[in-house]
């Protein structure tokens, strides 16, 4: 009995069928991969738009920082703080994009655009930082100069005060010198006994019974520093017991200020001083027309200064 073998046509159909299955399987694989990549791409597109929006907001903030830089009332430290906050936001965005790039979840060309924008923003932030650093450096320089100016001002004020004090002291010293130099002086203090006849007898020692009226004469010396004008001249006669010989009843005697105290005077006269030697005379009669026995000291005052002294004796 003869053996039977399959025909060549039947074998060809089997091969075609297998090949068809393989093609269908390949098409299914590639279709699945295509749709998966499409979904991933779509997701990456959504992420890209989100990043774009966030970067746009950052760009607006950084551009608005120009107004912050122009704000004269804001401290540089506060400006630097705000700028650092924006720089940290940029750095955070760069890190996030690098993470997406490593995961290959975004389109490289669009990623490049975002990175370029971020680089430009970072450059802008660095420019602001450079401007702030320059301003801070200028401030430090100005502060140093201001400290120098203040030190100089303090030193000059101290020198000025010292000069003022020295000038004031010198002025007081000069005033005192002028006052002392302008004090009038007397010479040739003379004493006369005025008799009833009107005759005057010059003595330094008088008889108590005869001396009823005492005439005193002296010369105010020339003084070119002293001011011209009317001067009050006071004569003080001190009794041997130290009391002041005064006649208040006749109105001859009174008091004047001397060294901050009230000083009783015996007799007073006015002199019209003209910076030349000026003779001055005045008479004095005691209350009881009698002088005590002993030495009587006589002092002459003008403008609170003692300008002459002498004495006479009564026996």
C-alpha atoms as a PDB file:
ATOM      1  CA  UNK A   1       0.000   0.000   0.000  1.00  0.00           C
ATOM      2  CA  UNK A   2       1.397   3.290  -0.970  1.00  0.00           C
ATOM      3  CA  UNK A   3       2.138   6.122   1.676  1.00  0.00           C
ATOM      4  CA  UNK A   4       0.364   9.522   1.374  1.00  0.00           C
ATOM      5  CA  UNK A   5       2.205  12.974   2.026  1.00  0.00           C
ATOM      6  CA  UNK A   6       0.601  16.387   2.534  1.00  0.00           C
ATOM      7  CA  UNK A   7       0.597  18.560  -0.476  1.00  0.00           C
ATOM      8  CA  UNK A   8       2.809  21.666  -0.934  1.00  0.00           C
ATOM      9  CA  UNK A   9      -0.244  23.944  -1.078  1.00  0.00           C
ATOM     10  CA  UNK A  10      -1.318  22.885   2.392  1.00  0.00           C
ATOM     11  CA  UNK A  11       2.154  23.604   3.853  1.00  0.00           C
ATOM     12  CA  UNK A  12       2.175  27.050   2.320  1.00  0.00           C
ATOM     13  CA  UNK A  13      -1.116  27.949   3.907  1.00  0.00           C
ATOM     14  CA  UNK A  14       0.172  26.951   7.340  1.00  0.00           C
ATOM     15  CA  UNK A  15       3.249  29.134   6.928  1.00  0.00           C
ATOM     16  CA  UNK A  16       1.164  32.078   5.795  1.00  0.00           C
ATOM     17  CA  UNK A  17      -1.129  31.649   8.776  1.00  0.00           C
ATOM     18  CA  UNK A  18       1.791  31.639  11.213  1.00  0.00           C
ATOM     19  CA  UNK A  19       3.294  34.662   9.587  1.00  0.00           C
ATOM     20  CA  UNK A  20      -0.057  36.441   9.802  1.00  0.00           C
ATOM     21  CA  UNK A  21      -0.226  35.716  13.511  1.00  0.00           C
ATOM     22  CA  UNK A  22       3.236  37.090  13.959  1.00  0.00           C
ATOM     23  CA  UNK A  23       2.366  40.292  12.048  1.00  0.00           C
ATOM     24  CA  UNK A  24      -0.807  40.738  14.083  1.00  0.00           C
ATOM     25  CA  UNK A  25       1.149  40.222  17.309  1.00  0.00           C
ATOM     26  CA  UNK A  26       3.771  42.750  16.180  1.00  0.00           C
ATOM     27  CA  UNK A  27       1.103  45.255  15.196  1.00  0.00           C
ATOM     28  CA  UNK A  28      -0.537  44.838  18.603  1.00  0.00           C
ATOM     29  CA  UNK A  29       2.774  45.368  20.402  1.00  0.00           C
ATOM     30  CA  UNK A  30       3.642  48.471  18.448  1.00  0.00           C
ATOM     31  CA  UNK A  31       0.136  49.828  18.774  1.00  0.00           C
ATOM     32  CA  UNK A  32       0.204  49.345  22.537  1.00  0.00           C
ATOM     33  CA  UNK A  33       3.614  51.014  22.773  1.00  0.00           C
ATOM     34  CA  UNK A  34       2.464  53.866  20.558  1.00  0.00           C
ATOM     35  CA  UNK A  35      -0.588  54.606  22.653  1.00  0.00           C
ATOM     36  CA  UNK A  36       1.465  54.298  25.857  1.00  0.00           C
ATOM     37  CA  UNK A  37       4.043  56.772  24.539  1.00  0.00           C
ATOM     38  CA  UNK A  38       1.237  59.032  23.378  1.00  0.00           C
ATOM     39  CA  UNK A  39      -0.280  59.034  26.844  1.00  0.00           C
ATOM     40  CA  UNK A  40       3.151  59.718  28.398  1.00  0.00           C
ATOM     41  CA  UNK A  41       3.715  62.512  25.901  1.00  0.00           C
ATOM     42  CA  UNK A  42       0.307  63.974  26.668  1.00  0.00           C
ATOM     43  CA  UNK A  43       1.121  63.872  30.383  1.00  0.00           C
ATOM     44  CA  UNK A  44       4.473  65.486  29.723  1.00  0.00           C
ATOM     45  CA  UNK A  45       2.717  68.177  27.706  1.00  0.00           C
ATOM     46  CA  UNK A  46       0.513  68.963  30.712  1.00  0.00           C
ATOM     47  CA  UNK A  47       3.595  69.167  32.947  1.00  0.00           C
ATOM     48  CA  UNK A  48       5.328  71.478  30.480  1.00  0.00           C
ATOM     49  CA  UNK A  49       2.352  73.886  30.474  1.00  0.00           C
ATOM     50  CA  UNK A  50       2.371  73.879  34.273  1.00  0.00           C
ATOM     51  CA  UNK A  51       6.076  74.704  34.316  1.00  0.00           C
ATOM     52  CA  UNK A  52       5.568  77.390  31.693  1.00  0.00           C
ATOM     53  CA  UNK A  53       2.914  79.048  33.866  1.00  0.00           C
ATOM     54  CA  UNK A  54       5.056  78.883  36.984  1.00  0.00           C
ATOM     55  CA  UNK A  55       8.086  80.271  35.148  1.00  0.00           C
ATOM     56  CA  UNK A  56       5.936  83.059  33.677  1.00  0.00           C
ATOM     57  CA  UNK A  57       4.827  84.025  37.189  1.00  0.00           C
ATOM     58  CA  UNK A  58       8.454  84.010  38.327  1.00  0.00           C
ATOM     59  CA  UNK A  59       9.412  86.183  35.373  1.00  0.00           C
ATOM     60  CA  UNK A  60       6.737  88.733  36.308  1.00  0.00           C
ATOM     61  CA  UNK A  61       7.937  88.797  39.931  1.00  0.00           C
ATOM     62  CA  UNK A  62      11.558  89.300  38.908  1.00  0.00           C
ATOM     63  CA  UNK A  63      10.697  92.069  36.461  1.00  0.00           C
ATOM     64  CA  UNK A  64       8.580  93.737  39.143  1.00  0.00           C
ATOM     65  CA  UNK A  65      11.654  93.693  41.410  1.00  0.00           C
ATOM     66  CA  UNK A  66      12.918  96.664  39.412  1.00  0.00           C
ATOM     67  CA  UNK A  67      10.396  98.814  41.271  1.00  0.00           C
ATOM     68  CA  UNK A  68      11.652  97.355  44.550  1.00  0.00           C
ATOM     69  CA  UNK A  69      15.202  98.368  43.625  1.00  0.00           C
ATOM     70  CA  UNK A  70      14.019 101.939  42.981  1.00  0.00           C
ATOM     71  CA  UNK A  71      12.232 102.162  46.356  1.00  0.00           C
ATOM     72  CA  UNK A  72      14.336 104.680  48.338  1.00  0.00           C
ATOM     73  CA  UNK A  73      12.515 103.953  51.583  1.00  0.00           C
ATOM     74  CA  UNK A  74      13.354 100.238  51.670  1.00  0.00           C
ATOM     75  CA  UNK A  75      16.514  99.080  53.371  1.00  0.00           C
ATOM     76  CA  UNK A  76      19.095  97.258  51.225  1.00  0.00           C
ATOM     77  CA  UNK A  77      19.033  94.279  53.576  1.00  0.00           C
ATOM     78  CA  UNK A  78      15.281  93.909  53.003  1.00  0.00           C
ATOM     79  CA  UNK A  79      15.782  94.136  49.227  1.00  0.00           C
ATOM     80  CA  UNK A  80      18.479  91.476  49.416  1.00  0.00           C
ATOM     81  CA  UNK A  81      16.156  89.232  51.437  1.00  0.00           C
ATOM     82  CA  UNK A  82      13.374  89.522  48.827  1.00  0.00           C
ATOM     83  CA  UNK A  83      15.854  88.880  46.030  1.00  0.00           C
ATOM     84  CA  UNK A  84      17.148  85.738  47.751  1.00  0.00           C
ATOM     85  CA  UNK A  85      13.590  84.446  48.020  1.00  0.00           C
ATOM     86  CA  UNK A  86      13.151  84.818  44.274  1.00  0.00           C
ATOM     87  CA  UNK A  87      16.524  83.208  43.618  1.00  0.00           C
ATOM     88  CA  UNK A  88      15.524  80.201  45.747  1.00  0.00           C
ATOM     89  CA  UNK A  89      12.281  79.873  43.743  1.00  0.00           C
ATOM     90  CA  UNK A  90      14.356  79.781  40.547  1.00  0.00           C
ATOM     91  CA  UNK A  91      16.736  77.185  41.981  1.00  0.00           C
ATOM     92  CA  UNK A  92      13.779  75.045  43.039  1.00  0.00           C
ATOM     93  CA  UNK A  93      12.354  75.243  39.521  1.00  0.00           C
ATOM     94  CA  UNK A  94      15.726  74.250  37.982  1.00  0.00           C
ATOM     95  CA  UNK A  95      15.946  71.203  40.272  1.00  0.00           C
ATOM     96  CA  UNK A  96      12.413  70.125  39.368  1.00  0.00           C
ATOM     97  CA  UNK A  97      13.085  70.410  35.626  1.00  0.00           C
ATOM     98  CA  UNK A  98      16.313  68.455  35.932  1.00  0.00           C
ATOM     99  CA  UNK A  99      14.350  65.719  37.687  1.00  0.00           C
ATOM    100  CA  UNK A 100      11.826  65.600  34.841  1.00  0.00           C
ATOM    101  CA  UNK A 101      14.670  65.580  32.343  1.00  0.00           C
ATOM    102  CA  UNK A 102      16.311  62.573  33.996  1.00  0.00           C
ATOM    103  CA  UNK A 103      13.011  60.687  33.866  1.00  0.00           C
ATOM    104  CA  UNK A 104      12.767  61.536  30.172  1.00  0.00           C
ATOM    105  CA  UNK A 105       9.210  62.720  30.716  1.00  0.00           C
ATOM    106  CA  UNK A 106       9.371  65.927  28.701  1.00  0.00           C
ATOM    107  CA  UNK A 107      10.079  67.021  25.191  1.00  0.00           C
ATOM    108  CA  UNK A 108      13.751  67.949  24.967  1.00  0.00           C
ATOM    109  CA  UNK A 109      13.260  70.939  22.666  1.00  0.00           C
ATOM    110  CA  UNK A 110      10.613  72.442  24.944  1.00  0.00           C
ATOM    111  CA  UNK A 111      12.742  71.622  27.954  1.00  0.00           C
ATOM    112  CA  UNK A 112      15.566  73.599  26.319  1.00  0.00           C
ATOM    113  CA  UNK A 113      13.286  76.616  25.938  1.00  0.00           C
ATOM    114  CA  UNK A 114      12.351  76.484  29.621  1.00  0.00           C
ATOM    115  CA  UNK A 115      15.999  76.123  30.677  1.00  0.00           C
ATOM    116  CA  UNK A 116      16.919  79.134  28.516  1.00  0.00           C
ATOM    117  CA  UNK A 117      14.200  81.236  30.149  1.00  0.00           C
ATOM    118  CA  UNK A 118      15.354  80.158  33.602  1.00  0.00           C
ATOM    119  CA  UNK A 119      18.964  81.016  32.761  1.00  0.00           C
ATOM    120  CA  UNK A 120      17.916  84.486  31.638  1.00  0.00           C
ATOM    121  CA  UNK A 121      15.955  84.988  34.857  1.00  0.00           C
ATOM    122  CA  UNK A 122      18.914  83.778  36.907  1.00  0.00           C
ATOM    123  CA  UNK A 123      21.147  86.243  35.069  1.00  0.00           C
ATOM    124  CA  UNK A 124      18.670  89.024  35.858  1.00  0.00           C
ATOM    125  CA  UNK A 125      18.659  88.057  39.535  1.00  0.00           C
ATOM    126  CA  UNK A 126      22.468  88.041  39.571  1.00  0.00           C
ATOM    127  CA  UNK A 127      22.448  91.501  38.020  1.00  0.00           C
ATOM    128  CA  UNK A 128      20.180  92.752  40.806  1.00  0.00           C
ATOM    129  CA  UNK A 129      22.456  91.069  43.319  1.00  0.00           C
ATOM    130  CA  UNK A 130      25.478  92.835  41.798  1.00  0.00           C
ATOM    131  CA  UNK A 131      23.649  96.166  42.014  1.00  0.00           C
ATOM    132  CA  UNK A 132      22.745  95.539  45.673  1.00  0.00           C
ATOM    133  CA  UNK A 133      26.338  94.538  46.496  1.00  0.00           C
ATOM    134  CA  UNK A 134      27.579  97.716  44.804  1.00  0.00           C
ATOM    135  CA  UNK A 135      25.101  99.817  46.759  1.00  0.00           C
ATOM    136  CA  UNK A 136      26.099  98.103  50.005  1.00  0.00           C
ATOM    137  CA  UNK A 137      29.745  98.746  49.208  1.00  0.00           C
ATOM    138  CA  UNK A 138      28.949 102.392  48.480  1.00  0.00           C
ATOM    139  CA  UNK A 139      27.000 102.584  51.733  1.00  0.00           C
ATOM    140  CA  UNK A 140      29.933 101.164  53.665  1.00  0.00           C
ATOM    141  CA  UNK A 141      32.243 103.695  52.021  1.00  0.00           C
ATOM    142  CA  UNK A 142      29.827 106.531  52.771  1.00  0.00           C
ATOM    143  CA  UNK A 143      29.365 105.263  56.331  1.00  0.00           C
ATOM    144  CA  UNK A 144      33.126 105.257  56.783  1.00  0.00           C
ATOM    145  CA  UNK A 145      33.361 108.787  55.398  1.00  0.00           C
ATOM    146  CA  UNK A 146      30.442 109.841  57.570  1.00  0.00           C
ATOM    147  CA  UNK A 147      32.200 108.407  60.627  1.00  0.00           C
ATOM    148  CA  UNK A 148      35.304 110.376  59.673  1.00  0.00           C
ATOM    149  CA  UNK A 149      33.212 113.537  59.190  1.00  0.00           C
ATOM    150  CA  UNK A 150      31.525 112.968  62.557  1.00  0.00           C
ATOM    151  CA  UNK A 151      34.874 112.415  64.236  1.00  0.00           C
ATOM    152  CA  UNK A 152      36.172 115.578  62.600  1.00  0.00           C
ATOM    153  CA  UNK A 153      33.028 117.439  63.617  1.00  0.00           C
ATOM    154  CA  UNK A 154      33.402 116.239  67.209  1.00  0.00           C
ATOM    155  CA  UNK A 155      37.064 117.204  67.204  1.00  0.00           C
ATOM    156  CA  UNK A 156      36.341 120.610  65.664  1.00  0.00           C
ATOM    157  CA  UNK A 157      33.487 121.233  68.083  1.00  0.00           C
ATOM    158  CA  UNK A 158      35.801 120.331  70.963  1.00  0.00           C
ATOM    159  CA  UNK A 159      38.476 122.648  69.579  1.00  0.00           C
ATOM    160  CA  UNK A 160      35.865 125.361  69.075  1.00  0.00           C
ATOM    161  CA  UNK A 161      34.629 124.964  72.656  1.00  0.00           C
ATOM    162  CA  UNK A 162      38.219 125.111  73.892  1.00  0.00           C
ATOM    163  CA  UNK A 163      38.815 128.240  71.818  1.00  0.00           C
ATOM    164  CA  UNK A 164      35.583 129.740  73.107  1.00  0.00           C
ATOM    165  CA  UNK A 165      36.515 128.954  76.695  1.00  0.00           C
ATOM    166  CA  UNK A 166      40.017 130.288  76.126  1.00  0.00           C
ATOM    167  CA  UNK A 167      38.642 133.379  74.410  1.00  0.00           C
ATOM    168  CA  UNK A 168      36.135 133.876  77.202  1.00  0.00           C
ATOM    169  CA  UNK A 169      38.859 133.494  79.816  1.00  0.00           C
ATOM    170  CA  UNK A 170      41.124 135.863  77.891  1.00  0.00           C
ATOM    171  CA  UNK A 171      38.250 138.309  77.453  1.00  0.00           C
ATOM    172  CA  UNK A 172      37.506 138.197  81.175  1.00  0.00           C
ATOM    173  CA  UNK A 173      41.183 138.588  81.933  1.00  0.00           C
ATOM    174  CA  UNK A 174      41.425 141.468  79.475  1.00  0.00           C
ATOM    175  CA  UNK A 175      38.275 143.065  80.891  1.00  0.00           C
ATOM    176  CA  UNK A 176      39.684 142.703  84.373  1.00  0.00           C
ATOM    177  CA  UNK A 177      42.990 144.150  83.213  1.00  0.00           C
ATOM    178  CA  UNK A 178      41.201 147.042  81.521  1.00  0.00           C
ATOM    179  CA  UNK A 179      39.027 147.616  84.581  1.00  0.00           C
ATOM    180  CA  UNK A 180      42.044 147.626  86.839  1.00  0.00           C
ATOM    181  CA  UNK A 181      43.995 149.800  84.433  1.00  0.00           C
ATOM    182  CA  UNK A 182      41.070 152.215  84.144  1.00  0.00           C
ATOM    183  CA  UNK A 183      40.752 152.639  87.916  1.00  0.00           C
ATOM    184  CA  UNK A 184      41.499 156.211  88.890  1.00  0.00           C
ATOM    185  CA  UNK A 185      44.337 157.009  91.227  1.00  0.00           C
ATOM    186  CA  UNK A 186      44.916 159.968  93.508  1.00  0.00           C
ATOM    187  CA  UNK A 187      47.992 161.873  94.620  1.00  0.00           C
ATOM    188  CA  UNK A 188      48.817 164.648  97.064  1.00  0.00           C
ATOM    189  CA  UNK A 189      45.995 164.108  99.543  1.00  0.00           C
ATOM    190  CA  UNK A 190      46.062 167.300 101.620  1.00  0.00           C
ATOM    191  CA  UNK A 191      44.194 168.290 104.782  1.00  0.00           C
ATOM    192  CA  UNK A 192      43.237 171.835 105.733  1.00  0.00           C
ATOM    193  CA  UNK A 193      41.734 173.417 108.842  1.00  0.00           C
ATOM    194  CA  UNK A 194      39.018 175.849 107.717  1.00  0.00           C
ATOM    195  CA  UNK A 195      38.755 178.693 110.201  1.00  0.00           C
ATOM    196  CA  UNK A 196      35.787 181.005 110.796  1.00  0.00           C
ATOM    197  CA  UNK A 197      37.468 183.687 108.772  1.00  0.00           C
ATOM    198  CA  UNK A 198      37.587 181.327 105.813  1.00  0.00           C
ATOM    199  CA  UNK A 199      41.300 180.976 106.004  1.00  0.00           C
ATOM    200  CA  UNK A 200      42.638 177.516 105.299  1.00  0.00           C
ATOM    201  CA  UNK A 201      45.610 176.102 107.122  1.00  0.00           C
ATOM    202  CA  UNK A 202      47.267 172.968 105.772  1.00  0.00           C
ATOM    203  CA  UNK A 203      48.359 170.484 108.403  1.00  0.00           C
ATOM    204  CA  UNK A 204      48.693 166.772 109.073  1.00  0.00           C
ATOM    205  CA  UNK A 205      48.333 167.243 112.817  1.00  0.00           C
ATOM    206  CA  UNK A 206      45.502 169.380 114.142  1.00  0.00           C
ATOM    207  CA  UNK A 207      44.426 170.772 117.500  1.00  0.00           C
ATOM    208  CA  UNK A 208      41.135 169.200 118.618  1.00  0.00           C
ATOM    209  CA  UNK A 209      39.770 172.499 119.918  1.00  0.00           C
ATOM    210  CA  UNK A 210      40.487 174.370 116.699  1.00  0.00           C
ATOM    211  CA  UNK A 211      39.509 171.768 114.050  1.00  0.00           C
ATOM    212  CA  UNK A 212      35.824 172.364 113.352  1.00  0.00           C
ATOM    213  CA  UNK A 213      35.707 172.004 109.544  1.00  0.00           C
ATOM    214  CA  UNK A 214      38.115 169.759 107.652  1.00  0.00           C
ATOM    215  CA  UNK A 215      38.914 170.425 103.987  1.00  0.00           C
ATOM    216  CA  UNK A 216      40.429 167.583 101.960  1.00  0.00           C
ATOM    217  CA  UNK A 217      42.008 168.068  98.534  1.00  0.00           C
ATOM    218  CA  UNK A 218      43.692 165.670  96.123  1.00  0.00           C
ATOM    219  CA  UNK A 219      44.347 165.171  92.418  1.00  0.00           C
ATOM    220  CA  UNK A 220      42.696 162.508  90.215  1.00  0.00           C
ATOM    221  CA  UNK A 221      45.561 161.425  88.006  1.00  0.00           C
ATOM    222  CA  UNK A 222      45.479 161.332  84.213  1.00  0.00           C
ATOM    223  CA  UNK A 223      44.368 157.933  82.832  1.00  0.00           C
ATOM    224  CA  UNK A 224      43.879 157.520  79.069  1.00  0.00           C
ATOM    225  CA  UNK A 225      42.190 154.138  79.536  1.00  0.00           C
ATOM    226  CA  UNK A 226      39.564 155.379  81.959  1.00  0.00           C
ATOM    227  CA  UNK A 227      36.318 156.572  80.397  1.00  0.00           C
ATOM    228  CA  UNK A 228      35.426 160.222  80.506  1.00  0.00           C
ATOM    229  CA  UNK A 229      32.371 161.405  82.380  1.00  0.00           C
ATOM    230  CA  UNK A 230      30.904 162.167  85.777  1.00  0.00           C
ATOM    231  CA  UNK A 231      32.381 160.123  88.617  1.00  0.00           C
ATOM    232  CA  UNK A 232      31.205 159.787  92.206  1.00  0.00           C
ATOM    233  CA  UNK A 233      34.115 160.231  94.619  1.00  0.00           C
ATOM    234  CA  UNK A 234      33.608 158.941  98.170  1.00  0.00           C
ATOM    235  CA  UNK A 235      35.791 159.842 101.156  1.00  0.00           C
ATOM    236  CA  UNK A 236      35.695 157.657 104.266  1.00  0.00           C
ATOM    237  CA  UNK A 237      37.181 159.035 107.514  1.00  0.00           C
ATOM    238  CA  UNK A 238      37.829 156.324 110.078  1.00  0.00           C
ATOM    239  CA  UNK A 239      37.952 157.422 113.729  1.00  0.00           C
ATOM    240  CA  UNK A 240      40.765 156.216 116.006  1.00  0.00           C
ATOM    241  CA  UNK A 241      38.360 153.614 117.479  1.00  0.00           C
ATOM    242  CA  UNK A 242      37.671 152.155 114.005  1.00  0.00           C
ATOM    243  CA  UNK A 243      34.178 153.642 113.579  1.00  0.00           C
ATOM    244  CA  UNK A 244      33.259 155.744 110.563  1.00  0.00           C
ATOM    245  CA  UNK A 245      32.971 159.488 111.147  1.00  0.00           C
ATOM    246  CA  UNK A 246      29.647 160.316 109.491  1.00  0.00           C
ATOM    247  CA  UNK A 247      27.098 163.139 109.619  1.00  0.00           C
ATOM    248  CA  UNK A 248      23.775 161.731 108.431  1.00  0.00           C
ATOM    249  CA  UNK A 249      21.793 164.616 109.950  1.00  0.00           C
ATOM    250  CA  UNK A 250      23.207 167.159 107.518  1.00  0.00           C
ATOM    251  CA  UNK A 251      22.903 164.744 104.606  1.00  0.00           C
ATOM    252  CA  UNK A 252      26.631 164.870 104.038  1.00  0.00           C
ATOM    253  CA  UNK A 253      27.161 161.159 104.678  1.00  0.00           C
ATOM    254  CA  UNK A 254      25.569 158.033 103.209  1.00  0.00           C
ATOM    255  CA  UNK A 255      26.554 154.610 101.863  1.00  0.00           C
ATOM    256  CA  UNK A 256      27.829 153.039  98.629  1.00  0.00           C
ATOM    257  CA  UNK A 257      28.504 149.511  97.347  1.00  0.00           C
ATOM    258  CA  UNK A 258      32.018 148.191  97.815  1.00  0.00           C
ATOM    259  CA  UNK A 259      33.092 144.540  97.263  1.00  0.00           C
ATOM    260  CA  UNK A 260      29.472 143.444  97.435  1.00  0.00           C
ATOM    261  CA  UNK A 261      28.822 145.190 100.740  1.00  0.00           C
ATOM    262  CA  UNK A 262      27.341 148.516 101.802  1.00  0.00           C
ATOM    263  CA  UNK A 263      30.073 150.912 102.912  1.00  0.00           C
ATOM    264  CA  UNK A 264      29.319 154.078 104.887  1.00  0.00           C
ATOM    265  CA  UNK A 265      31.063 157.178 103.506  1.00  0.00           C
ATOM    266  CA  UNK A 266      31.834 160.437 105.256  1.00  0.00           C
ATOM    267  CA  UNK A 267      31.507 162.853 102.386  1.00  0.00           C
ATOM    268  CA  UNK A 268      30.865 162.602  98.649  1.00  0.00           C
ATOM    269  CA  UNK A 269      31.643 164.733  95.606  1.00  0.00           C
ATOM    270  CA  UNK A 270      31.063 164.513  91.860  1.00  0.00           C
ATOM    271  CA  UNK A 271      33.948 164.956  89.451  1.00  0.00           C
ATOM    272  CA  UNK A 272      33.714 165.525  85.690  1.00  0.00           C
ATOM    273  CA  UNK A 273      36.675 163.438  84.614  1.00  0.00           C
ATOM    274  CA  UNK A 274      38.324 164.155  81.257  1.00  0.00           C
ATOM    275  CA  UNK A 275      41.303 161.756  81.282  1.00  0.00           C
ATOM    276  CA  UNK A 276      43.485 164.545  82.664  1.00  0.00           C
ATOM    277  CA  UNK A 277      44.739 165.463  86.116  1.00  0.00           C
ATOM    278  CA  UNK A 278      41.724 166.825  87.971  1.00  0.00           C
ATOM    279  CA  UNK A 279      41.884 168.609  91.370  1.00  0.00           C
ATOM    280  CA  UNK A 280      39.088 167.629  93.750  1.00  0.00           C
ATOM    281  CA  UNK A 281      38.276 169.252  97.110  1.00  0.00           C
ATOM    282  CA  UNK A 282      35.523 168.718  99.656  1.00  0.00           C
ATOM    283  CA  UNK A 283      34.719 169.970 103.162  1.00  0.00           C
ATOM    284  CA  UNK A 284      33.443 167.974 106.093  1.00  0.00           C
ATOM    285  CA  UNK A 285      31.992 169.131 109.435  1.00  0.00           C
ATOM    286  CA  UNK A 286      31.329 166.494 112.137  1.00  0.00           C
ATOM    287  CA  UNK A 287      28.013 166.329 113.974  1.00  0.00           C
ATOM    288  CA  UNK A 288      29.356 167.965 117.116  1.00  0.00           C
ATOM    289  CA  UNK A 289      32.030 169.940 115.219  1.00  0.00           C
ATOM    290  CA  UNK A 290      34.661 167.908 116.972  1.00  0.00           C
ATOM    291  CA  UNK A 291      37.090 165.158 115.959  1.00  0.00           C
ATOM    292  CA  UNK A 292      38.311 162.534 118.399  1.00  0.00           C
ATOM    293  CA  UNK A 293      41.910 162.619 119.486  1.00  0.00           C
ATOM    294  CA  UNK A 294      44.172 160.232 117.663  1.00  0.00           C
ATOM    295  CA  UNK A 295      44.994 159.144 114.138  1.00  0.00           C
ATOM    296  CA  UNK A 296      42.221 159.314 111.555  1.00  0.00           C
ATOM    297  CA  UNK A 297      42.648 157.167 108.474  1.00  0.00           C
ATOM    298  CA  UNK A 298      41.240 158.580 105.245  1.00  0.00           C
ATOM    299  CA  UNK A 299      40.298 156.405 102.244  1.00  0.00           C
ATOM    300  CA  UNK A 300      39.119 157.610  98.825  1.00  0.00           C
ATOM    301  CA  UNK A 301      36.867 155.400  96.640  1.00  0.00           C
ATOM    302  CA  UNK A 302      35.482 155.595  93.109  1.00  0.00           C
ATOM    303  CA  UNK A 303      33.388 153.014  91.228  1.00  0.00           C
ATOM    304  CA  UNK A 304      33.877 150.533  94.043  1.00  0.00           C
ATOM    305  CA  UNK A 305      37.670 150.740  93.979  1.00  0.00           C
ATOM    306  CA  UNK A 306      39.983 152.181  96.625  1.00  0.00           C
ATOM    307  CA  UNK A 307      41.924 154.899  94.775  1.00  0.00           C
ATOM    308  CA  UNK A 308      43.845 156.633  97.559  1.00  0.00           C
ATOM    309  CA  UNK A 309      44.679 156.616 101.251  1.00  0.00           C
ATOM    310  CA  UNK A 310      46.230 158.934 103.798  1.00  0.00           C
ATOM    311  CA  UNK A 311      45.799 160.017 107.439  1.00  0.00           C
ATOM    312  CA  UNK A 312      45.820 162.971 109.780  1.00  0.00           C
ATOM    313  CA  UNK A 313      46.163 163.275 113.532  1.00  0.00           C
ATOM    314  CA  UNK A 314      44.143 165.201 116.090  1.00  0.00           C
ATOM    315  CA  UNK A 315      45.720 166.179 119.426  1.00  0.00           C
END
